[in-house]
Amino acid sequence: MVSKVIPFLNREIDLFDRYDKLAFRYVSYVAIPLLAGYTIYSLIYESHRGWYSFVISTLTSFVYMFGFVSVAMIYWLRFTDQLYRRNSFPS
């Protein structure tokens, strides 16, 4: 029903889906080696009570780290965008 009322909506959704898949591919190229590296680091340098504790603590630490980095990147991109706009357009 929506596609008949707003025909351009399907094209935009397809475009967003394509960019989401592309972004997920590039993020996974970085995230998977980081997870493997952090897993090895956690196995060597941190103490765990068992395998379940090791898996849960490693995954939660990685999720927290990934969330912090993504929030920091969002703020950084907003900050640089504001600097670009402030310096490129005369007032």
C-alpha atoms as a PDB file:
ATOM      1  CA  MET A   1       0.000   0.000   0.000  1.00  0.00           C
ATOM      2  CA  VAL A   2       2.769   2.422   0.919  1.00  0.00           C
ATOM      3  CA  SER A   3       4.714   1.696  -2.266  1.00  0.00           C
ATOM      4  CA  LYS A   4       1.708   2.691  -4.383  1.00  0.00           C
ATOM      5  CA  VAL A   5       1.244   5.943  -2.498  1.00  0.00           C
ATOM      6  CA  ILE A   6       4.926   6.884  -2.304  1.00  0.00           C
ATOM      7  CA  PRO A   7       6.796   5.161  -5.148  1.00  0.00           C
ATOM      8  CA  PHE A   8      10.213   6.625  -4.317  1.00  0.00           C
ATOM      9  CA  LEU A   9      10.144   5.102  -0.834  1.00  0.00           C
ATOM     10  CA  ASN A  10      11.119   1.646  -2.103  1.00  0.00           C
ATOM     11  CA  ARG A  11      14.150   3.044  -3.934  1.00  0.00           C
ATOM     12  CA  GLU A  12      15.308   4.870  -0.826  1.00  0.00           C
ATOM     13  CA  ILE A  13      14.868   1.801   1.357  1.00  0.00           C
ATOM     14  CA  ASP A  14      16.828  -0.292  -1.155  1.00  0.00           C
ATOM     15  CA  LEU A  15      19.576   2.330  -1.173  1.00  0.00           C
ATOM     16  CA  PHE A  16      19.728   2.394   2.642  1.00  0.00           C
ATOM     17  CA  ASP A  17      19.851  -1.409   2.738  1.00  0.00           C
ATOM     18  CA  ARG A  18      22.717  -1.444   0.257  1.00  0.00           C
ATOM     19  CA  TYR A  19      24.689   1.107   2.286  1.00  0.00           C
ATOM     20  CA  ASP A  20      23.959  -0.753   5.520  1.00  0.00           C
ATOM     21  CA  LYS A  21      25.338  -3.972   4.036  1.00  0.00           C
ATOM     22  CA  LEU A  22      28.411  -2.157   2.747  1.00  0.00           C
ATOM     23  CA  ALA A  23      29.037  -0.470   6.107  1.00  0.00           C
ATOM     24  CA  PHE A  24      28.603  -3.746   7.979  1.00  0.00           C
ATOM     25  CA  ARG A  25      31.118  -5.408   5.672  1.00  0.00           C
ATOM     26  CA  TYR A  26      33.749  -2.727   6.313  1.00  0.00           C
ATOM     27  CA  VAL A  27      33.108  -2.660  10.052  1.00  0.00           C
ATOM     28  CA  SER A  28      33.406  -6.435  10.227  1.00  0.00           C
ATOM     29  CA  TYR A  29      36.825  -6.247   8.504  1.00  0.00           C
ATOM     30  CA  VAL A  30      38.037  -4.271  11.519  1.00  0.00           C
ATOM     31  CA  ALA A  31      35.875  -5.696  14.306  1.00  0.00           C
ATOM     32  CA  ILE A  32      36.590  -9.409  13.824  1.00  0.00           C
ATOM     33  CA  PRO A  33      40.407  -9.101  14.068  1.00  0.00           C
ATOM     34  CA  LEU A  34      39.995  -6.788  17.064  1.00  0.00           C
ATOM     35  CA  LEU A  35      37.767  -9.344  18.775  1.00  0.00           C
ATOM     36  CA  ALA A  36      40.298 -12.087  18.079  1.00  0.00           C
ATOM     37  CA  GLY A  37      43.129  -9.944  19.426  1.00  0.00           C
ATOM     38  CA  TYR A  38      41.207  -8.968  22.549  1.00  0.00           C
ATOM     39  CA  THR A  39      40.256 -12.606  23.122  1.00  0.00           C
ATOM     40  CA  ILE A  40      43.912 -13.636  23.070  1.00  0.00           C
ATOM     41  CA  TYR A  41      44.835 -10.716  25.335  1.00  0.00           C
ATOM     42  CA  SER A  42      42.081 -11.619  27.789  1.00  0.00           C
ATOM     43  CA  LEU A  43      43.101 -15.264  27.778  1.00  0.00           C
ATOM     44  CA  ILE A  44      46.739 -14.448  28.560  1.00  0.00           C
ATOM     45  CA  TYR A  45      46.577 -11.476  30.925  1.00  0.00           C
ATOM     46  CA  GLU A  46      43.249 -11.725  32.780  1.00  0.00           C
ATOM     47  CA  SER A  47      42.106 -14.377  35.213  1.00  0.00           C
ATOM     48  CA  HIS A  48      38.795 -16.186  34.724  1.00  0.00           C
ATOM     49  CA  ARG A  49      36.947 -18.741  36.830  1.00  0.00           C
ATOM     50  CA  GLY A  50      35.984 -20.901  33.888  1.00  0.00           C
ATOM     51  CA  TRP A  51      35.256 -20.963  30.168  1.00  0.00           C
ATOM     52  CA  TYR A  52      31.790 -19.514  30.613  1.00  0.00           C
ATOM     53  CA  SER A  53      33.205 -16.604  32.607  1.00  0.00           C
ATOM     54  CA  PHE A  54      35.915 -16.121  29.987  1.00  0.00           C
ATOM     55  CA  VAL A  55      33.440 -16.002  27.082  1.00  0.00           C
ATOM     56  CA  ILE A  56      30.931 -13.733  28.818  1.00  0.00           C
ATOM     57  CA  SER A  57      33.507 -11.255  30.137  1.00  0.00           C
ATOM     58  CA  THR A  58      35.368 -11.091  26.813  1.00  0.00           C
ATOM     59  CA  LEU A  59      32.221 -10.506  24.778  1.00  0.00           C
ATOM     60  CA  THR A  60      30.805  -7.903  27.154  1.00  0.00           C
ATOM     61  CA  SER A  61      34.109  -6.033  27.292  1.00  0.00           C
ATOM     62  CA  PHE A  62      34.275  -6.043  23.499  1.00  0.00           C
ATOM     63  CA  VAL A  63      30.691  -4.777  23.204  1.00  0.00           C
ATOM     64  CA  TYR A  64      31.414  -1.976  25.676  1.00  0.00           C
ATOM     65  CA  MET A  65      34.593  -1.042  23.807  1.00  0.00           C
ATOM     66  CA  PHE A  66      32.814  -1.112  20.443  1.00  0.00           C
ATOM     67  CA  GLY A  67      29.993   1.057  21.813  1.00  0.00           C
ATOM     68  CA  PHE A  68      32.463   3.580  23.212  1.00  0.00           C
ATOM     69  CA  VAL A  69      34.351   3.786  19.913  1.00  0.00           C
ATOM     70  CA  SER A  70      31.161   4.191  17.875  1.00  0.00           C
ATOM     71  CA  VAL A  71      29.861   6.983  20.135  1.00  0.00           C
ATOM     72  CA  ALA A  72      33.256   8.695  20.040  1.00  0.00           C
ATOM     73  CA  MET A  73      33.276   8.491  16.236  1.00  0.00           C
ATOM     74  CA  ILE A  74      29.793  10.013  16.030  1.00  0.00           C
ATOM     75  CA  TYR A  75      30.863  12.948  18.193  1.00  0.00           C
ATOM     76  CA  TRP A  76      34.096  13.337  16.223  1.00  0.00           C
ATOM     77  CA  LEU A  77      32.245  13.407  12.895  1.00  0.00           C
ATOM     78  CA  ARG A  78      29.778  15.975  14.216  1.00  0.00           C
ATOM     79  CA  PHE A  79      32.628  18.118  15.547  1.00  0.00           C
ATOM     80  CA  THR A  80      34.594  18.045  12.280  1.00  0.00           C
ATOM     81  CA  ASP A  81      31.423  18.764  10.313  1.00  0.00           C
ATOM     82  CA  GLN A  82      30.795  21.842  12.450  1.00  0.00           C
ATOM     83  CA  LEU A  83      34.388  22.988  11.965  1.00  0.00           C
ATOM     84  CA  TYR A  84      34.079  22.521   8.209  1.00  0.00           C
ATOM     85  CA  ARG A  85      30.857  24.485   8.054  1.00  0.00           C
ATOM     86  CA  ARG A  86      32.206  27.249  10.249  1.00  0.00           C
ATOM     87  CA  ASN A  87      35.399  27.689   8.221  1.00  0.00           C
ATOM     88  CA  SER A  88      34.079  27.164   4.714  1.00  0.00           C
ATOM     89  CA  PHE A  89      31.100  29.477   4.670  1.00  0.00           C
ATOM     90  CA  PRO A  90      31.702  33.198   5.180  1.00  0.00           C
ATOM     91  CA  SER A  91      29.441  34.818   7.714  1.00  0.00           C
END
